[in-house]
Structures are given as structure tokens and as C-alpha cells.
Amino acid sequence: QNLIAFYKWNQDKTNELLIIISLDAYYAQQGTVQLPLQ
């Protein structure tokens, strides 16, 4: 719950990004992210 992840892309999907941000400013945070394979 301290990690937020999202996928963004451009109009023709020639540029695709995965952004992951920690919402905890004091401690390290770990997790497993599910890729949007479809």
C-alpha cells in the first residue's frame, strides 16, 4: 500500500512507460508489481 504503480502510453504505443513511486518518505518499501501483459 506504500507503493503505487501505473502504466502510460502514447497514441500509437511507440512509447510505453511503467512508473512506480514510493509513498513512504522515511523507509524502504518492497513489493511485486504485476505487468499489464495484455
PDB file of all heavy atoms in Angstrom:
ATOM      1  N   GLN A   1       0.806  -1.217   0.000  1.00  0.00           N
ATOM      2  CA  GLN A   1       0.000   0.000   0.000  1.00  0.00           C
ATOM      3  C   GLN A   1       0.843   1.272   0.000  1.00  0.00           C
ATOM      4  O   GLN A   1       0.314   2.367  -0.204  1.00  0.00           O
ATOM      5  CB  GLN A   1      -0.944   0.008   1.205  1.00  0.00           C
ATOM      6  CG  GLN A   1      -2.104  -0.969   1.073  1.00  0.00           C
ATOM      7  CD  GLN A   1      -2.899  -0.724  -0.204  1.00  0.00           C
ATOM      8  OE1 GLN A   1      -3.406   0.368  -0.453  1.00  0.00           O
ATOM      9  NE2 GLN A   1      -2.999  -1.758  -1.030  1.00  0.00           N
ATOM     10  N   ASN A   2       2.144   1.125   0.215  1.00  0.00           N
ATOM     11  CA  ASN A   2       3.034   2.279   0.168  1.00  0.00           C
ATOM     12  C   ASN A   2       3.707   2.445  -1.190  1.00  0.00           C
ATOM     13  O   ASN A   2       4.550   3.329  -1.359  1.00  0.00           O
ATOM     14  CB  ASN A   2       4.108   2.165   1.249  1.00  0.00           C
ATOM     15  CG  ASN A   2       3.539   2.383   2.637  1.00  0.00           C
ATOM     16  OD1 ASN A   2       2.901   3.404   2.883  1.00  0.00           O
ATOM     17  ND2 ASN A   2       3.745   1.427   3.528  1.00  0.00           N
ATOM     18  N   LEU A   3       3.359   1.584  -2.134  1.00  0.00           N
ATOM     19  CA  LEU A   3       3.891   1.691  -3.498  1.00  0.00           C
ATOM     20  C   LEU A   3       2.723   1.844  -4.464  1.00  0.00           C
ATOM     21  O   LEU A   3       1.729   1.124  -4.369  1.00  0.00           O
ATOM     22  CB  LEU A   3       4.705   0.453  -3.861  1.00  0.00           C
ATOM     23  CG  LEU A   3       5.986   0.194  -3.072  1.00  0.00           C
ATOM     24  CD1 LEU A   3       6.591  -1.151  -3.477  1.00  0.00           C
ATOM     25  CD2 LEU A   3       7.004   1.316  -3.289  1.00  0.00           C
ATOM     26  N   ILE A   4       2.842   2.768  -5.395  1.00  0.00           N
ATOM     27  CA  ILE A   4       1.829   2.965  -6.424  1.00  0.00           C
ATOM     28  C   ILE A   4       2.487   2.766  -7.782  1.00  0.00           C
ATOM     29  O   ILE A   4       3.620   3.231  -8.010  1.00  0.00           O
ATOM     30  CB  ILE A   4       1.182   4.369  -6.304  1.00  0.00           C
ATOM     31  CG1 ILE A   4      -0.021   4.498  -7.236  1.00  0.00           C
ATOM     32  CG2 ILE A   4       2.187   5.487  -6.536  1.00  0.00           C
ATOM     33  CD1 ILE A   4      -0.843   5.766  -6.983  1.00  0.00           C
ATOM     34  N   ALA A   5       1.813   2.031  -8.657  1.00  0.00           N
ATOM     35  CA  ALA A   5       2.391   1.707  -9.964  1.00  0.00           C
ATOM     36  C   ALA A   5       1.348   1.949 -11.043  1.00  0.00           C
ATOM     37  O   ALA A   5       0.167   1.650 -10.865  1.00  0.00           O
ATOM     38  CB  ALA A   5       2.856   0.249 -10.002  1.00  0.00           C
ATOM     39  N   PHE A   6       1.792   2.478 -12.171  1.00  0.00           N
ATOM     40  CA  PHE A   6       0.865   2.702 -13.284  1.00  0.00           C
ATOM     41  C   PHE A   6       1.606   2.676 -14.619  1.00  0.00           C
ATOM     42  O   PHE A   6       2.811   2.950 -14.698  1.00  0.00           O
ATOM     43  CB  PHE A   6       0.080   4.008 -13.114  1.00  0.00           C
ATOM     44  CG  PHE A   6       0.902   5.216 -12.760  1.00  0.00           C
ATOM     45  CD1 PHE A   6       1.340   6.101 -13.734  1.00  0.00           C
ATOM     46  CD2 PHE A   6       1.233   5.482 -11.437  1.00  0.00           C
ATOM     47  CE1 PHE A   6       2.082   7.223 -13.410  1.00  0.00           C
ATOM     48  CE2 PHE A   6       1.976   6.604 -11.089  1.00  0.00           C
ATOM     49  CZ  PHE A   6       2.400   7.482 -12.078  1.00  0.00           C
ATOM     50  N   TYR A   7       0.845   2.316 -15.626  1.00  0.00           N
ATOM     51  CA  TYR A   7       1.339   2.169 -16.996  1.00  0.00           C
ATOM     52  C   TYR A   7       0.788   3.325 -17.822  1.00  0.00           C
ATOM     53  O   TYR A   7      -0.387   3.665 -17.726  1.00  0.00           O
ATOM     54  CB  TYR A   7       0.855   0.812 -17.531  1.00  0.00           C
ATOM     55  CG  TYR A   7       0.874   0.613 -19.023  1.00  0.00           C
ATOM     56  CD1 TYR A   7       2.054   0.642 -19.759  1.00  0.00           C
ATOM     57  CD2 TYR A   7      -0.321   0.346 -19.709  1.00  0.00           C
ATOM     58  CE1 TYR A   7       2.052   0.422 -21.125  1.00  0.00           C
ATOM     59  CE2 TYR A   7      -0.335   0.118 -21.070  1.00  0.00           C
ATOM     60  CZ  TYR A   7       0.851   0.160 -21.786  1.00  0.00           C
ATOM     61  OH  TYR A   7       0.833  -0.057 -23.136  1.00  0.00           O
ATOM     62  N   LYS A   8       1.656   3.965 -18.634  1.00  0.00           N
ATOM     63  CA  LYS A   8       1.227   5.056 -19.507  1.00  0.00           C
ATOM     64  C   LYS A   8       1.805   4.831 -20.899  1.00  0.00           C
ATOM     65  O   LYS A   8       2.877   4.238 -21.056  1.00  0.00           O
ATOM     66  CB  LYS A   8       1.681   6.414 -18.963  1.00  0.00           C
ATOM     67  CG  LYS A   8       1.114   6.747 -17.578  1.00  0.00           C
ATOM     68  CD  LYS A   8       1.179   8.228 -17.263  1.00  0.00           C
ATOM     69  CE  LYS A   8       0.044   8.974 -17.932  1.00  0.00           C
ATOM     70  NZ  LYS A   8      -0.059  10.382 -17.472  1.00  0.00           N
ATOM     71  N   TRP A   9       1.089   5.314 -21.897  1.00  0.00           N
ATOM     72  CA  TRP A   9       1.487   5.066 -23.281  1.00  0.00           C
ATOM     73  C   TRP A   9       1.063   6.244 -24.148  1.00  0.00           C
ATOM     74  O   TRP A   9       0.189   7.024 -23.796  1.00  0.00           O
ATOM     75  CB  TRP A   9       0.841   3.772 -23.787  1.00  0.00           C
ATOM     76  CG  TRP A   9      -0.666   3.814 -23.808  1.00  0.00           C
ATOM     77  CD1 TRP A   9      -1.479   4.123 -24.854  1.00  0.00           C
ATOM     78  CD2 TRP A   9      -1.545   3.548 -22.698  1.00  0.00           C
ATOM     79  NE1 TRP A   9      -2.797   4.061 -24.487  1.00  0.00           N
ATOM     80  CE2 TRP A   9      -2.873   3.718 -23.167  1.00  0.00           C
ATOM     81  CE3 TRP A   9      -1.344   3.190 -21.367  1.00  0.00           C
ATOM     82  CZ2 TRP A   9      -3.988   3.534 -22.344  1.00  0.00           C
ATOM     83  CZ3 TRP A   9      -2.458   3.018 -20.553  1.00  0.00           C
ATOM     84  CH2 TRP A   9      -3.756   3.178 -21.046  1.00  0.00           C
ATOM     85  N   ASN A  10       1.697   6.356 -25.321  1.00  0.00           N
ATOM     86  CA  ASN A  10       1.307   7.403 -26.252  1.00  0.00           C
ATOM     87  C   ASN A  10       0.269   6.852 -27.226  1.00  0.00           C
ATOM     88  O   ASN A  10      -0.157   5.690 -27.149  1.00  0.00           O
ATOM     89  CB  ASN A  10       2.514   7.980 -26.987  1.00  0.00           C
ATOM     90  CG  ASN A  10       3.171   6.985 -27.939  1.00  0.00           C
ATOM     91  OD1 ASN A  10       2.970   5.770 -27.824  1.00  0.00           O
ATOM     92  ND2 ASN A  10       3.963   7.487 -28.865  1.00  0.00           N
ATOM     93  N   GLN A  11      -0.152   7.685 -28.166  1.00  0.00           N
ATOM     94  CA  GLN A  11      -1.299   7.375 -29.008  1.00  0.00           C
ATOM     95  C   GLN A  11      -1.118   6.095 -29.820  1.00  0.00           C
ATOM     96  O   GLN A  11      -2.040   5.281 -29.934  1.00  0.00           O
ATOM     97  CB  GLN A  11      -1.547   8.567 -29.952  1.00  0.00           C
ATOM     98  CG  GLN A  11      -2.883   8.572 -30.656  1.00  0.00           C
ATOM     99  CD  GLN A  11      -3.228   9.956 -31.183  1.00  0.00           C
ATOM    100  OE1 GLN A  11      -3.677  10.810 -30.436  1.00  0.00           O
ATOM    101  NE2 GLN A  11      -2.992  10.186 -32.458  1.00  0.00           N
ATOM    102  N   ASP A  12       0.070   5.894 -30.394  1.00  0.00           N
ATOM    103  CA  ASP A  12       0.286   4.704 -31.220  1.00  0.00           C
ATOM    104  C   ASP A  12       1.114   3.631 -30.512  1.00  0.00           C
ATOM    105  O   ASP A  12       1.583   2.680 -31.133  1.00  0.00           O
ATOM    106  CB  ASP A  12       0.940   5.083 -32.555  1.00  0.00           C
ATOM    107  CG  ASP A  12       2.262   5.811 -32.376  1.00  0.00           C
ATOM    108  OD1 ASP A  12       2.739   5.902 -31.221  1.00  0.00           O
ATOM    109  OD2 ASP A  12       2.813   6.288 -33.379  1.00  0.00           O
ATOM    110  N   LYS A  13       1.304   3.785 -29.203  1.00  0.00           N
ATOM    111  CA  LYS A  13       2.023   2.823 -28.362  1.00  0.00           C
ATOM    112  C   LYS A  13       3.467   2.585 -28.820  1.00  0.00           C
ATOM    113  O   LYS A  13       4.010   1.496 -28.654  1.00  0.00           O
ATOM    114  CB  LYS A  13       1.257   1.503 -28.273  1.00  0.00           C
ATOM    115  CG  LYS A  13       0.008   1.605 -27.391  1.00  0.00           C
ATOM    116  CD  LYS A  13      -0.446   0.256 -26.872  1.00  0.00           C
ATOM    117  CE  LYS A  13      -1.525   0.434 -25.803  1.00  0.00           C
ATOM    118  NZ  LYS A  13      -1.944  -0.825 -25.206  1.00  0.00           N
ATOM    119  N   THR A  14       4.080   3.626 -29.353  1.00  0.00           N
ATOM    120  CA  THR A  14       5.513   3.555 -29.642  1.00  0.00           C
ATOM    121  C   THR A  14       6.328   4.020 -28.447  1.00  0.00           C
ATOM    122  O   THR A  14       7.561   3.940 -28.464  1.00  0.00           O
ATOM    123  CB  THR A  14       5.864   4.418 -30.860  1.00  0.00           C
ATOM    124  OG1 THR A  14       5.428   5.768 -30.619  1.00  0.00           O
ATOM    125  CG2 THR A  14       5.191   3.892 -32.113  1.00  0.00           C
ATOM    126  N   ASN A  15       5.647   4.522 -27.441  1.00  0.00           N
ATOM    127  CA  ASN A  15       6.313   4.982 -26.226  1.00  0.00           C
ATOM    128  C   ASN A  15       5.477   4.513 -25.037  1.00  0.00           C
ATOM    129  O   ASN A  15       4.359   4.981 -24.833  1.00  0.00           O
ATOM    130  CB  ASN A  15       6.441   6.509 -26.249  1.00  0.00           C
ATOM    131  CG  ASN A  15       7.188   7.060 -25.043  1.00  0.00           C
ATOM    132  OD1 ASN A  15       6.633   7.813 -24.245  1.00  0.00           O
ATOM    133  ND2 ASN A  15       8.449   6.693 -24.899  1.00  0.00           N
ATOM    134  N   GLU A  16       6.019   3.547 -24.280  1.00  0.00           N
ATOM    135  CA  GLU A  16       5.294   2.956 -23.162  1.00  0.00           C
ATOM    136  C   GLU A  16       6.161   3.017 -21.909  1.00  0.00           C
ATOM    137  O   GLU A  16       7.345   2.677 -21.948  1.00  0.00           O
ATOM    138  CB  GLU A  16       4.922   1.503 -23.478  1.00  0.00           C
ATOM    139  CG  GLU A  16       3.988   1.366 -24.679  1.00  0.00           C
ATOM    140  CD  GLU A  16       3.763  -0.083 -25.081  1.00  0.00           C
ATOM    141  OE1 GLU A  16       4.691  -0.664 -25.693  1.00  0.00           O
ATOM    142  OE2 GLU A  16       2.688  -0.633 -24.779  1.00  0.00           O
ATOM    143  N   LEU A  17       5.541   3.457 -20.824  1.00  0.00           N
ATOM    144  CA  LEU A  17       6.273   3.634 -19.572  1.00  0.00           C
ATOM    145  C   LEU A  17       5.576   2.903 -18.436  1.00  0.00           C
ATOM    146  O   LEU A  17       4.354   2.756 -18.434  1.00  0.00           O
ATOM    147  CB  LEU A  17       6.373   5.123 -19.206  1.00  0.00           C
ATOM    148  CG  LEU A  17       7.007   6.076 -20.216  1.00  0.00           C
ATOM    149  CD1 LEU A  17       7.009   7.494 -19.645  1.00  0.00           C
ATOM    150  CD2 LEU A  17       8.413   5.653 -20.591  1.00  0.00           C
ATOM    151  N   LEU A  18       6.373   2.472 -17.474  1.00  0.00           N
ATOM    152  CA  LEU A  18       5.866   1.938 -16.217  1.00  0.00           C
ATOM    153  C   LEU A  18       6.469   2.782 -15.103  1.00  0.00           C
ATOM    154  O   LEU A  18       7.692   2.866 -14.975  1.00  0.00           O
ATOM    155  CB  LEU A  18       6.257   0.468 -16.047  1.00  0.00           C
ATOM    156  CG  LEU A  18       5.822  -0.179 -14.726  1.00  0.00           C
ATOM    157  CD1 LEU A  18       4.291  -0.282 -14.656  1.00  0.00           C
ATOM    158  CD2 LEU A  18       6.456  -1.548 -14.555  1.00  0.00           C
ATOM    159  N   ILE A  19       5.612   3.434 -14.334  1.00  0.00           N
ATOM    160  CA  ILE A  19       6.068   4.312 -13.256  1.00  0.00           C
ATOM    161  C   ILE A  19       5.715   3.677 -11.919  1.00  0.00           C
ATOM    162  O   ILE A  19       4.587   3.218 -11.723  1.00  0.00           O
ATOM    163  CB  ILE A  19       5.435   5.711 -13.367  1.00  0.00           C
ATOM    164  CG1 ILE A  19       5.903   6.421 -14.649  1.00  0.00           C
ATOM    165  CG2 ILE A  19       5.795   6.571 -12.173  1.00  0.00           C
ATOM    166  CD1 ILE A  19       4.962   6.329 -15.795  1.00  0.00           C
ATOM    167  N   ILE A  20       6.673   3.643 -11.026  1.00  0.00           N
ATOM    168  CA  ILE A  20       6.462   3.097  -9.675  1.00  0.00           C
ATOM    169  C   ILE A  20       7.016   4.121  -8.681  1.00  0.00           C
ATOM    170  O   ILE A  20       8.167   4.549  -8.804  1.00  0.00           O
ATOM    171  CB  ILE A  20       7.148   1.736  -9.490  1.00  0.00           C
ATOM    172  CG1 ILE A  20       6.713   0.768 -10.597  1.00  0.00           C
ATOM    173  CG2 ILE A  20       6.827   1.154  -8.116  1.00  0.00           C
ATOM    174  CD1 ILE A  20       7.516  -0.508 -10.659  1.00  0.00           C
ATOM    175  N   ILE A  21       6.191   4.519  -7.715  1.00  0.00           N
ATOM    176  CA  ILE A  21       6.575   5.566  -6.773  1.00  0.00           C
ATOM    177  C   ILE A  21       6.294   5.095  -5.353  1.00  0.00           C
ATOM    178  O   ILE A  21       5.215   4.570  -5.062  1.00  0.00           O
ATOM    179  CB  ILE A  21       5.808   6.875  -7.067  1.00  0.00           C
ATOM    180  CG1 ILE A  21       6.085   7.345  -8.503  1.00  0.00           C
ATOM    181  CG2 ILE A  21       6.181   7.968  -6.058  1.00  0.00           C
ATOM    182  CD1 ILE A  21       5.258   8.530  -8.938  1.00  0.00           C
ATOM    183  N   SER A  22       7.264   5.313  -4.482  1.00  0.00           N
ATOM    184  CA  SER A  22       7.070   5.019  -3.065  1.00  0.00           C
ATOM    185  C   SER A  22       6.385   6.200  -2.400  1.00  0.00           C
ATOM    186  O   SER A  22       6.764   7.360  -2.606  1.00  0.00           O
ATOM    187  CB  SER A  22       8.408   4.749  -2.387  1.00  0.00           C
ATOM    188  OG  SER A  22       8.228   4.652  -0.984  1.00  0.00           O
ATOM    189  N   LEU A  23       5.383   5.899  -1.592  1.00  0.00           N
ATOM    190  CA  LEU A  23       4.670   6.934  -0.851  1.00  0.00           C
ATOM    191  C   LEU A  23       5.194   7.068   0.576  1.00  0.00           C
ATOM    192  O   LEU A  23       4.613   7.798   1.381  1.00  0.00           O
ATOM    193  CB  LEU A  23       3.166   6.619  -0.847  1.00  0.00           C
ATOM    194  CG  LEU A  23       2.526   6.481  -2.233  1.00  0.00           C
ATOM    195  CD1 LEU A  23       1.048   6.145  -2.106  1.00  0.00           C
ATOM    196  CD2 LEU A  23       2.717   7.735  -3.064  1.00  0.00           C
ATOM    197  N   ASP A  24       6.285   6.379   0.858  1.00  0.00           N
ATOM    198  CA  ASP A  24       6.913   6.426   2.185  1.00  0.00           C
ATOM    199  C   ASP A  24       8.198   7.248   2.069  1.00  0.00           C
ATOM    200  O   ASP A  24       9.127   6.856   1.357  1.00  0.00           O
ATOM    201  CB  ASP A  24       7.218   5.016   2.674  1.00  0.00           C
ATOM    202  CG  ASP A  24       7.678   4.975   4.125  1.00  0.00           C
ATOM    203  OD1 ASP A  24       8.263   5.974   4.595  1.00  0.00           O
ATOM    204  OD2 ASP A  24       7.458   3.950   4.787  1.00  0.00           O
ATOM    205  N   ALA A  25       8.237   8.373   2.757  1.00  0.00           N
ATOM    206  CA  ALA A  25       9.392   9.266   2.660  1.00  0.00           C
ATOM    207  C   ALA A  25      10.509   8.921   3.645  1.00  0.00           C
ATOM    208  O   ALA A  25      11.539   9.605   3.657  1.00  0.00           O
ATOM    209  CB  ALA A  25       8.939  10.708   2.880  1.00  0.00           C
ATOM    210  N   TYR A  26      10.330   7.856   4.433  1.00  0.00           N
ATOM    211  CA  TYR A  26      11.301   7.578   5.501  1.00  0.00           C
ATOM    212  C   TYR A  26      11.921   6.187   5.444  1.00  0.00           C
ATOM    213  O   TYR A  26      13.048   5.991   5.904  1.00  0.00           O
ATOM    214  CB  TYR A  26      10.642   7.791   6.869  1.00  0.00           C
ATOM    215  CG  TYR A  26      10.218   9.221   7.085  1.00  0.00           C
ATOM    216  CD1 TYR A  26       8.899   9.605   6.867  1.00  0.00           C
ATOM    217  CD2 TYR A  26      11.138  10.186   7.472  1.00  0.00           C
ATOM    218  CE1 TYR A  26       8.512  10.927   7.047  1.00  0.00           C
ATOM    219  CE2 TYR A  26      10.764  11.509   7.658  1.00  0.00           C
ATOM    220  CZ  TYR A  26       9.442  11.882   7.442  1.00  0.00           C
ATOM    221  OH  TYR A  26       9.066  13.191   7.613  1.00  0.00           O
ATOM    222  N   TYR A  27      11.201   5.208   4.908  1.00  0.00           N
ATOM    223  CA  TYR A  27      11.690   3.833   4.939  1.00  0.00           C
ATOM    224  C   TYR A  27      11.629   3.197   3.550  1.00  0.00           C
ATOM    225  O   TYR A  27      10.795   3.571   2.717  1.00  0.00           O
ATOM    226  CB  TYR A  27      10.867   2.989   5.918  1.00  0.00           C
ATOM    227  CG  TYR A  27      10.906   3.508   7.337  1.00  0.00           C
ATOM    228  CD1 TYR A  27       9.849   4.272   7.844  1.00  0.00           C
ATOM    229  CD2 TYR A  27      11.996   3.247   8.165  1.00  0.00           C
ATOM    230  CE1 TYR A  27       9.888   4.763   9.146  1.00  0.00           C
ATOM    231  CE2 TYR A  27      12.043   3.733   9.470  1.00  0.00           C
ATOM    232  CZ  TYR A  27      10.984   4.496   9.955  1.00  0.00           C
ATOM    233  OH  TYR A  27      11.029   4.984  11.229  1.00  0.00           O
ATOM    234  N   ALA A  28      12.514   2.229   3.337  1.00  0.00           N
ATOM    235  CA  ALA A  28      12.497   1.468   2.090  1.00  0.00           C
ATOM    236  C   ALA A  28      11.214   0.650   2.008  1.00  0.00           C
ATOM    237  O   ALA A  28      10.694   0.179   3.027  1.00  0.00           O
ATOM    238  CB  ALA A  28      13.717   0.557   2.017  1.00  0.00           C
ATOM    239  N   GLN A  29      10.708   0.478   0.798  1.00  0.00           N
ATOM    240  CA  GLN A  29       9.488  -0.292   0.577  1.00  0.00           C
ATOM    241  C   GLN A  29       9.724  -1.301  -0.543  1.00  0.00           C
ATOM    242  O   GLN A  29      10.360  -0.984  -1.556  1.00  0.00           O
ATOM    243  CB  GLN A  29       8.319   0.620   0.218  1.00  0.00           C
ATOM    244  CG  GLN A  29       7.873   1.537   1.343  1.00  0.00           C
ATOM    245  CD  GLN A  29       7.226   0.782   2.488  1.00  0.00           C
ATOM    246  OE1 GLN A  29       6.679  -0.310   2.297  1.00  0.00           O
ATOM    247  NE2 GLN A  29       7.279   1.355   3.691  1.00  0.00           N
ATOM    248  N   GLN A  30       9.189  -2.510  -0.339  1.00  0.00           N
ATOM    249  CA  GLN A  30       9.336  -3.585  -1.311  1.00  0.00           C
ATOM    250  C   GLN A  30       7.963  -4.076  -1.752  1.00  0.00           C
ATOM    251  O   GLN A  30       6.974  -3.966  -1.011  1.00  0.00           O
ATOM    252  CB  GLN A  30      10.117  -4.757  -0.708  1.00  0.00           C
ATOM    253  CG  GLN A  30      11.500  -4.410  -0.228  1.00  0.00           C
ATOM    254  CD  GLN A  30      12.171  -5.581   0.465  1.00  0.00           C
ATOM    255  OE1 GLN A  30      11.501  -6.510   0.923  1.00  0.00           O
ATOM    256  NE2 GLN A  30      13.499  -5.555   0.540  1.00  0.00           N
ATOM    257  N   GLY A  31       7.920  -4.632  -2.961  1.00  0.00           N
ATOM    258  CA  GLY A  31       6.673  -5.202  -3.453  1.00  0.00           C
ATOM    259  C   GLY A  31       6.893  -5.886  -4.782  1.00  0.00           C
ATOM    260  O   GLY A  31       7.972  -5.809  -5.377  1.00  0.00           O
ATOM    261  N   THR A  32       5.865  -6.590  -5.246  1.00  0.00           N
ATOM    262  CA  THR A  32       5.908  -7.204  -6.574  1.00  0.00           C
ATOM    263  C   THR A  32       4.825  -6.566  -7.423  1.00  0.00           C
ATOM    264  O   THR A  32       3.657  -6.507  -7.029  1.00  0.00           O
ATOM    265  CB  THR A  32       5.701  -8.728  -6.498  1.00  0.00           C
ATOM    266  OG1 THR A  32       4.531  -9.007  -5.716  1.00  0.00           O
ATOM    267  CG2 THR A  32       6.902  -9.407  -5.870  1.00  0.00           C
ATOM    268  N   VAL A  33       5.220  -6.068  -8.571  1.00  0.00           N
ATOM    269  CA  VAL A  33       4.303  -5.366  -9.465  1.00  0.00           C
ATOM    270  C   VAL A  33       3.858  -6.308 -10.580  1.00  0.00           C
ATOM    271  O   VAL A  33       4.659  -7.075 -11.122  1.00  0.00           O
ATOM    272  CB  VAL A  33       4.949  -4.093 -10.048  1.00  0.00           C
ATOM    273  CG1 VAL A  33       6.178  -4.404 -10.883  1.00  0.00           C
ATOM    274  CG2 VAL A  33       3.927  -3.314 -10.873  1.00  0.00           C
ATOM    275  N   GLN A  34       2.567  -6.251 -10.901  1.00  0.00           N
ATOM    276  CA  GLN A  34       2.015  -7.074 -11.975  1.00  0.00           C
ATOM    277  C   GLN A  34       2.042  -6.279 -13.276  1.00  0.00           C
ATOM    278  O   GLN A  34       1.444  -5.203 -13.377  1.00  0.00           O
ATOM    279  CB  GLN A  34       0.578  -7.487 -11.649  1.00  0.00           C
ATOM    280  CG  GLN A  34      -0.044  -8.408 -12.692  1.00  0.00           C
ATOM    281  CD  GLN A  34      -1.479  -8.773 -12.352  1.00  0.00           C
ATOM    282  OE1 GLN A  34      -2.149  -8.053 -11.608  1.00  0.00           O
ATOM    283  NE2 GLN A  34      -1.944  -9.884 -12.882  1.00  0.00           N
ATOM    284  N   LEU A  35       2.724  -6.814 -14.263  1.00  0.00           N
ATOM    285  CA  LEU A  35       2.805  -6.135 -15.554  1.00  0.00           C
ATOM    286  C   LEU A  35       1.469  -6.235 -16.301  1.00  0.00           C
ATOM    287  O   LEU A  35       0.809  -7.281 -16.253  1.00  0.00           O
ATOM    288  CB  LEU A  35       3.903  -6.754 -16.414  1.00  0.00           C
ATOM    289  CG  LEU A  35       5.344  -6.550 -15.944  1.00  0.00           C
ATOM    290  CD1 LEU A  35       6.291  -7.356 -16.825  1.00  0.00           C
ATOM    291  CD2 LEU A  35       5.710  -5.083 -15.969  1.00  0.00           C
ATOM    292  N   PRO A  36       1.064  -5.202 -17.014  1.00  0.00           N
ATOM    293  CA  PRO A  36      -0.168  -5.251 -17.816  1.00  0.00           C
ATOM    294  C   PRO A  36       0.093  -5.947 -19.152  1.00  0.00           C
ATOM    295  O   PRO A  36       0.156  -5.313 -20.213  1.00  0.00           O
ATOM    296  CB  PRO A  36      -0.511  -3.769 -18.000  1.00  0.00           C
ATOM    297  CG  PRO A  36       0.821  -3.085 -18.007  1.00  0.00           C
ATOM    298  CD  PRO A  36       1.694  -3.862 -17.066  1.00  0.00           C
ATOM    299  N   LEU A  37       0.258  -7.263 -19.106  1.00  0.00           N
ATOM    300  CA  LEU A  37       0.706  -8.016 -20.282  1.00  0.00           C
ATOM    301  C   LEU A  37      -0.230  -7.835 -21.477  1.00  0.00           C
ATOM    302  O   LEU A  37       0.224  -7.686 -22.622  1.00  0.00           O
ATOM    303  CB  LEU A  37       0.824  -9.501 -19.932  1.00  0.00           C
ATOM    304  CG  LEU A  37       1.856  -9.864 -18.856  1.00  0.00           C
ATOM    305  CD1 LEU A  37       1.916 -11.376 -18.680  1.00  0.00           C
ATOM    306  CD2 LEU A  37       3.236  -9.317 -19.212  1.00  0.00           C
ATOM    307  N   GLN A  38      -1.530  -7.858 -21.218  1.00  0.00           N
ATOM    308  CA  GLN A  38      -2.473  -7.733 -22.326  1.00  0.00           C
ATOM    309  C   GLN A  38      -2.328  -6.383 -23.014  1.00  0.00           C
ATOM    310  O   GLN A  38      -2.338  -6.295 -24.245  1.00  0.00           O
ATOM    311  CB  GLN A  38      -3.904  -7.919 -21.819  1.00  0.00           C
ATOM    312  CG  GLN A  38      -4.942  -7.899 -22.932  1.00  0.00           C
ATOM    313  CD  GLN A  38      -6.332  -8.230 -22.426  1.00  0.00           C
ATOM    314  OE1 GLN A  38      -6.520  -8.581 -21.270  1.00  0.00           O
ATOM    315  NE2 GLN A  38      -7.316  -8.112 -23.291  1.00  0.00           N
TER     316      GLN A  38
END
